[in-house]
Amino acid sequence: MIKTKFLGATRGFVTAHAVAIFGQPVFAGSYLTGDYGMLAVHRFGANLVFSLALAQLVPTALLWRRGGPRWPFWASVLLLLGETAQYFAGLAGALGLHVPLGVALVSLAVVTLVGIWR
């Protein structure tokens, strides 16, 4: 019963995180095509994505502690570390790192989303 409660919370955070991270390339693309107001939306999205990644650690750790799988916790740690690097690469304007790392992070978020719902 407890494990099911933490699995539900983990699924909720992983889903919200995946939805938020999917928006980031859309916002960045709109900015790059000339809608300069979208840079502020992209910045807000970065803060949201990072906050969700940080919050996602709690239910994944509790799920693992209650006998659930440990991979969601480690995937969440990897996402958080990658998003930290992504955040600073974006602030520095290092697009050579920012863009491919963004692709990798979206991919990892999708793999995590599919895995947690299986």
N, C-alpha and C. Protein backbone atom coordinates (compact mmCIF):
# COMPACT_ATOMS: atom_id res chain seq x y z
N MET A 1 0.82 -1.20 0.00
CA MET A 1 0.00 0.00 0.00
C MET A 1 0.87 1.26 0.00
N ILE A 2 1.84 1.32 0.92
CA ILE A 2 2.72 2.49 0.99
C ILE A 2 3.52 2.62 -0.29
N LYS A 3 4.02 1.48 -0.80
CA LYS A 3 4.80 1.51 -2.03
C LYS A 3 3.96 2.05 -3.18
N THR A 4 2.69 1.70 -3.23
CA THR A 4 1.79 2.18 -4.27
C THR A 4 1.60 3.69 -4.17
N LYS A 5 1.53 4.22 -2.94
CA LYS A 5 1.38 5.66 -2.74
C LYS A 5 2.60 6.40 -3.28
N PHE A 6 3.78 5.88 -2.99
CA PHE A 6 5.00 6.53 -3.47
C PHE A 6 5.18 6.35 -4.97
N LEU A 7 4.70 5.23 -5.50
CA LEU A 7 4.76 5.03 -6.95
C LEU A 7 3.87 6.06 -7.64
N GLY A 8 2.70 6.31 -7.09
CA GLY A 8 1.80 7.32 -7.67
C GLY A 8 2.41 8.71 -7.63
N ALA A 9 3.03 9.07 -6.51
CA ALA A 9 3.68 10.37 -6.40
C ALA A 9 4.85 10.47 -7.37
N THR A 10 5.62 9.41 -7.48
CA THR A 10 6.74 9.39 -8.42
C THR A 10 6.24 9.56 -9.84
N ARG A 11 5.20 8.83 -10.20
CA ARG A 11 4.63 8.97 -11.55
C ARG A 11 4.17 10.40 -11.81
N GLY A 12 3.56 11.02 -10.82
CA GLY A 12 3.09 12.39 -10.98
C GLY A 12 4.23 13.36 -11.23
N PHE A 13 5.28 13.26 -10.44
CA PHE A 13 6.43 14.17 -10.62
C PHE A 13 7.16 13.90 -11.92
N VAL A 14 7.35 12.63 -12.26
CA VAL A 14 8.04 12.30 -13.51
C VAL A 14 7.24 12.80 -14.71
N THR A 15 5.92 12.67 -14.66
CA THR A 15 5.07 13.14 -15.75
C THR A 15 5.12 14.66 -15.87
N ALA A 16 4.99 15.36 -14.75
CA ALA A 16 5.05 16.83 -14.77
C ALA A 16 6.42 17.30 -15.28
N HIS A 17 7.46 16.62 -14.85
CA HIS A 17 8.81 16.98 -15.28
C HIS A 17 8.96 16.78 -16.79
N ALA A 18 8.46 15.67 -17.30
CA ALA A 18 8.55 15.40 -18.75
C ALA A 18 7.78 16.43 -19.56
N VAL A 19 6.61 16.81 -19.11
CA VAL A 19 5.81 17.81 -19.81
C VAL A 19 6.56 19.15 -19.82
N ALA A 20 7.12 19.52 -18.68
CA ALA A 20 7.83 20.80 -18.59
C ALA A 20 9.08 20.80 -19.47
N ILE A 21 9.81 19.70 -19.47
CA ILE A 21 11.05 19.66 -20.26
C ILE A 21 10.75 19.62 -21.76
N PHE A 22 9.61 19.06 -22.14
CA PHE A 22 9.21 19.06 -23.55
C PHE A 22 8.93 20.47 -24.06
N GLY A 23 8.49 21.36 -23.19
CA GLY A 23 8.20 22.72 -23.60
C GLY A 23 9.45 23.54 -23.89
N GLN A 24 10.55 23.19 -23.28
CA GLN A 24 11.76 23.99 -23.41
C GLN A 24 12.26 24.15 -24.85
N PRO A 25 12.35 23.09 -25.65
CA PRO A 25 12.79 23.29 -27.04
C PRO A 25 11.80 24.13 -27.85
N VAL A 26 10.53 24.03 -27.51
CA VAL A 26 9.52 24.83 -28.20
C VAL A 26 9.74 26.31 -27.91
N PHE A 27 9.95 26.63 -26.64
CA PHE A 27 10.18 28.02 -26.25
C PHE A 27 11.47 28.55 -26.87
N ALA A 28 12.52 27.73 -26.84
CA ALA A 28 13.81 28.14 -27.41
C ALA A 28 13.69 28.34 -28.92
N GLY A 29 12.98 27.45 -29.58
CA GLY A 29 12.79 27.58 -31.03
C GLY A 29 12.03 28.83 -31.39
N SER A 30 11.01 29.15 -30.60
CA SER A 30 10.26 30.39 -30.85
C SER A 30 11.15 31.61 -30.67
N TYR A 31 12.00 31.57 -29.67
CA TYR A 31 12.94 32.67 -29.46
C TYR A 31 13.90 32.80 -30.64
N LEU A 32 14.42 31.67 -31.10
CA LEU A 32 15.40 31.69 -32.19
C LEU A 32 14.80 32.11 -33.53
N THR A 33 13.48 32.01 -33.66
CA THR A 33 12.84 32.46 -34.90
C THR A 33 12.39 33.91 -34.83
N GLY A 34 12.75 34.60 -33.75
CA GLY A 34 12.49 36.03 -33.70
C GLY A 34 11.52 36.50 -32.66
N ASP A 35 10.86 35.60 -31.93
CA ASP A 35 9.95 36.02 -30.86
C ASP A 35 10.77 36.17 -29.58
N TYR A 36 11.35 37.34 -29.41
CA TYR A 36 12.32 37.55 -28.33
C TYR A 36 11.71 37.48 -26.94
N GLY A 37 10.42 37.64 -26.84
CA GLY A 37 9.75 37.50 -25.55
C GLY A 37 9.77 36.07 -25.03
N MET A 38 10.00 35.12 -25.92
CA MET A 38 10.02 33.72 -25.51
C MET A 38 11.27 33.37 -24.70
N LEU A 39 12.28 34.22 -24.74
CA LEU A 39 13.46 33.95 -23.93
C LEU A 39 13.09 33.98 -22.44
N ALA A 40 12.22 34.89 -22.06
CA ALA A 40 11.77 34.93 -20.66
C ALA A 40 10.96 33.68 -20.31
N VAL A 41 10.17 33.20 -21.25
CA VAL A 41 9.40 31.98 -21.02
C VAL A 41 10.35 30.78 -20.90
N HIS A 42 11.37 30.75 -21.75
CA HIS A 42 12.38 29.68 -21.70
C HIS A 42 13.12 29.72 -20.36
N ARG A 43 13.44 30.91 -19.88
CA ARG A 43 14.11 31.05 -18.58
C ARG A 43 13.19 30.56 -17.46
N PHE A 44 11.92 30.95 -17.50
CA PHE A 44 10.96 30.47 -16.50
C PHE A 44 10.85 28.95 -16.56
N GLY A 45 10.79 28.41 -17.78
CA GLY A 45 10.72 26.97 -17.96
C GLY A 45 11.93 26.26 -17.38
N ALA A 46 13.10 26.87 -17.53
CA ALA A 46 14.32 26.27 -16.97
C ALA A 46 14.22 26.19 -15.45
N ASN A 47 13.72 27.24 -14.84
CA ASN A 47 13.54 27.23 -13.38
C ASN A 47 12.51 26.18 -12.96
N LEU A 48 11.44 26.06 -13.71
CA LEU A 48 10.40 25.07 -13.41
C LEU A 48 10.94 23.65 -13.56
N VAL A 49 11.63 23.39 -14.67
CA VAL A 49 12.18 22.06 -14.92
C VAL A 49 13.16 21.67 -13.81
N PHE A 50 14.03 22.60 -13.45
CA PHE A 50 15.00 22.32 -12.39
C PHE A 50 14.29 22.06 -11.06
N SER A 51 13.30 22.87 -10.74
CA SER A 51 12.56 22.69 -9.48
C SER A 51 11.84 21.34 -9.44
N LEU A 52 11.26 20.96 -10.56
CA LEU A 52 10.59 19.65 -10.61
C LEU A 52 11.59 18.51 -10.48
N ALA A 53 12.76 18.66 -11.09
CA ALA A 53 13.78 17.62 -10.96
C ALA A 53 14.23 17.48 -9.51
N LEU A 54 14.39 18.59 -8.85
CA LEU A 54 14.78 18.58 -7.43
C LEU A 54 13.68 17.93 -6.58
N ALA A 55 12.46 18.33 -6.81
CA ALA A 55 11.33 17.78 -6.05
C ALA A 55 11.12 16.29 -6.34
N GLN A 56 11.43 15.88 -7.55
CA GLN A 56 11.25 14.48 -7.97
C GLN A 56 12.14 13.53 -7.16
N LEU A 57 13.22 14.03 -6.62
CA LEU A 57 14.11 13.19 -5.81
C LEU A 57 13.42 12.63 -4.58
N VAL A 58 12.51 13.40 -4.00
CA VAL A 58 11.87 12.98 -2.75
C VAL A 58 11.02 11.72 -2.94
N PRO A 59 10.03 11.72 -3.85
CA PRO A 59 9.23 10.49 -3.98
C PRO A 59 10.03 9.30 -4.53
N THR A 60 11.03 9.57 -5.37
CA THR A 60 11.82 8.44 -5.88
C THR A 60 12.67 7.83 -4.77
N ALA A 61 13.19 8.66 -3.87
CA ALA A 61 13.96 8.14 -2.74
C ALA A 61 13.06 7.37 -1.78
N LEU A 62 11.87 7.90 -1.53
CA LEU A 62 10.92 7.20 -0.65
C LEU A 62 10.45 5.88 -1.27
N LEU A 63 10.24 5.88 -2.57
CA LEU A 63 9.84 4.65 -3.26
C LEU A 63 10.94 3.60 -3.10
N TRP A 64 12.17 3.98 -3.33
CA TRP A 64 13.30 3.06 -3.19
C TRP A 64 13.41 2.56 -1.75
N ARG A 65 13.28 3.48 -0.79
CA ARG A 65 13.41 3.12 0.63
C ARG A 65 12.33 2.14 1.07
N ARG A 66 11.16 2.23 0.44
CA ARG A 66 10.05 1.34 0.81
C ARG A 66 10.04 0.03 0.00
N GLY A 67 11.16 -0.26 -0.65
CA GLY A 67 11.26 -1.54 -1.35
C GLY A 67 10.97 -1.49 -2.83
N GLY A 68 10.75 -0.30 -3.36
CA GLY A 68 10.51 -0.16 -4.79
C GLY A 68 11.82 -0.15 -5.57
N PRO A 69 11.75 0.05 -6.86
CA PRO A 69 12.98 0.07 -7.66
C PRO A 69 13.85 1.28 -7.34
N ARG A 70 15.15 1.10 -7.49
CA ARG A 70 16.06 2.20 -7.21
C ARG A 70 16.39 3.03 -8.44
N TRP A 71 16.15 2.49 -9.64
CA TRP A 71 16.53 3.20 -10.87
C TRP A 71 15.85 4.55 -11.01
N PRO A 72 14.57 4.74 -10.58
CA PRO A 72 13.98 6.08 -10.74
C PRO A 72 14.75 7.15 -9.95
N PHE A 73 15.27 6.77 -8.78
CA PHE A 73 16.04 7.73 -8.00
C PHE A 73 17.32 8.12 -8.75
N TRP A 74 18.04 7.14 -9.26
CA TRP A 74 19.30 7.42 -9.94
C TRP A 74 19.08 8.14 -11.27
N ALA A 75 18.00 7.83 -11.95
CA ALA A 75 17.66 8.58 -13.17
C ALA A 75 17.35 10.04 -12.81
N SER A 76 16.67 10.24 -11.69
CA SER A 76 16.35 11.60 -11.25
C SER A 76 17.61 12.37 -10.85
N VAL A 77 18.55 11.70 -10.21
CA VAL A 77 19.82 12.34 -9.86
C VAL A 77 20.56 12.74 -11.13
N LEU A 78 20.58 11.84 -12.11
CA LEU A 78 21.25 12.14 -13.38
C LEU A 78 20.60 13.32 -14.09
N LEU A 79 19.27 13.35 -14.10
CA LEU A 79 18.55 14.48 -14.69
C LEU A 79 18.89 15.79 -13.97
N LEU A 80 18.90 15.75 -12.66
CA LEU A 80 19.19 16.95 -11.89
C LEU A 80 20.61 17.46 -12.18
N LEU A 81 21.58 16.56 -12.22
CA LEU A 81 22.96 16.96 -12.52
C LEU A 81 23.07 17.52 -13.93
N GLY A 82 22.42 16.85 -14.89
CA GLY A 82 22.44 17.33 -16.26
C GLY A 82 21.75 18.67 -16.41
N GLU A 83 20.65 18.85 -15.71
CA GLU A 83 19.93 20.12 -15.79
C GLU A 83 20.68 21.25 -15.11
N THR A 84 21.48 20.93 -14.11
CA THR A 84 22.34 21.95 -13.50
C THR A 84 23.37 22.43 -14.52
N ALA A 85 24.01 21.47 -15.19
CA ALA A 85 24.98 21.83 -16.24
C ALA A 85 24.28 22.58 -17.37
N GLN A 86 23.08 22.15 -17.72
CA GLN A 86 22.31 22.77 -18.78
C GLN A 86 21.99 24.22 -18.44
N TYR A 87 21.61 24.45 -17.21
CA TYR A 87 21.26 25.79 -16.75
C TYR A 87 22.44 26.74 -16.89
N PHE A 88 23.60 26.30 -16.42
CA PHE A 88 24.78 27.17 -16.48
C PHE A 88 25.31 27.32 -17.90
N ALA A 89 25.17 26.28 -18.73
CA ALA A 89 25.57 26.41 -20.13
C ALA A 89 24.68 27.43 -20.84
N GLY A 90 23.40 27.44 -20.52
CA GLY A 90 22.49 28.41 -21.10
C GLY A 90 22.82 29.83 -20.67
N LEU A 91 23.11 30.01 -19.38
CA LEU A 91 23.48 31.34 -18.89
C LEU A 91 24.76 31.84 -19.54
N ALA A 92 25.68 30.92 -19.80
CA ALA A 92 26.96 31.30 -20.41
C ALA A 92 26.87 31.45 -21.92
N GLY A 93 25.73 31.08 -22.50
CA GLY A 93 25.56 31.17 -23.95
C GLY A 93 26.34 30.11 -24.70
N ALA A 94 26.67 29.02 -24.01
CA ALA A 94 27.44 27.93 -24.62
C ALA A 94 26.49 26.99 -25.37
N LEU A 95 26.00 27.44 -26.53
CA LEU A 95 25.02 26.68 -27.28
C LEU A 95 25.57 25.35 -27.79
N GLY A 96 26.88 25.26 -27.99
CA GLY A 96 27.49 24.01 -28.42
C GLY A 96 27.32 22.90 -27.39
N LEU A 97 27.18 23.25 -26.14
CA LEU A 97 26.88 22.29 -25.08
C LEU A 97 25.39 22.29 -24.76
N HIS A 98 24.78 23.46 -24.73
CA HIS A 98 23.39 23.61 -24.30
C HIS A 98 22.41 22.82 -25.17
N VAL A 99 22.57 22.88 -26.48
CA VAL A 99 21.62 22.21 -27.38
C VAL A 99 21.74 20.69 -27.30
N PRO A 100 22.93 20.09 -27.49
CA PRO A 100 22.98 18.63 -27.42
C PRO A 100 22.66 18.07 -26.03
N LEU A 101 23.05 18.80 -24.99
CA LEU A 101 22.70 18.35 -23.64
C LEU A 101 21.19 18.41 -23.44
N GLY A 102 20.55 19.41 -24.02
CA GLY A 102 19.09 19.48 -23.95
C GLY A 102 18.42 18.29 -24.60
N VAL A 103 18.94 17.88 -25.75
CA VAL A 103 18.41 16.69 -26.44
C VAL A 103 18.57 15.46 -25.56
N ALA A 104 19.74 15.31 -24.95
CA ALA A 104 19.99 14.16 -24.07
C ALA A 104 19.06 14.18 -22.86
N LEU A 105 18.82 15.35 -22.29
CA LEU A 105 17.95 15.45 -21.12
C LEU A 105 16.50 15.14 -21.45
N VAL A 106 16.03 15.64 -22.59
CA VAL A 106 14.66 15.31 -23.00
C VAL A 106 14.55 13.80 -23.23
N SER A 107 15.55 13.21 -23.84
CA SER A 107 15.55 11.76 -24.08
C SER A 107 15.51 10.99 -22.77
N LEU A 108 16.34 11.38 -21.81
CA LEU A 108 16.34 10.71 -20.51
C LEU A 108 15.02 10.89 -19.78
N ALA A 109 14.43 12.06 -19.90
CA ALA A 109 13.12 12.29 -19.27
C ALA A 109 12.05 11.39 -19.88
N VAL A 110 12.11 11.18 -21.20
CA VAL A 110 11.14 10.30 -21.87
C VAL A 110 11.35 8.86 -21.44
N VAL A 111 12.59 8.41 -21.39
CA VAL A 111 12.89 7.04 -20.96
C VAL A 111 12.41 6.83 -19.53
N THR A 112 12.63 7.81 -18.67
CA THR A 112 12.17 7.73 -17.28
C THR A 112 10.64 7.69 -17.21
N LEU A 113 9.99 8.52 -18.02
CA LEU A 113 8.53 8.55 -18.06
C LEU A 113 7.95 7.20 -18.50
N VAL A 114 8.48 6.67 -19.57
CA VAL A 114 7.98 5.37 -20.07
C VAL A 114 8.25 4.27 -19.04
N GLY A 115 9.45 4.28 -18.46
CA GLY A 115 9.80 3.24 -17.49
C GLY A 115 8.96 3.27 -16.25
N ILE A 116 8.64 4.45 -15.74
CA ILE A 116 7.88 4.52 -14.49
C ILE A 116 6.41 4.14 -14.68
N TRP A 117 5.92 4.26 -15.90
CA TRP A 117 4.52 3.89 -16.17
C TRP A 117 4.38 2.44 -16.62
N ARG A 118 5.48 1.72 -16.79
CA ARG A 118 5.40 0.30 -17.18
C ARG A 118 5.16 -0.56 -15.98
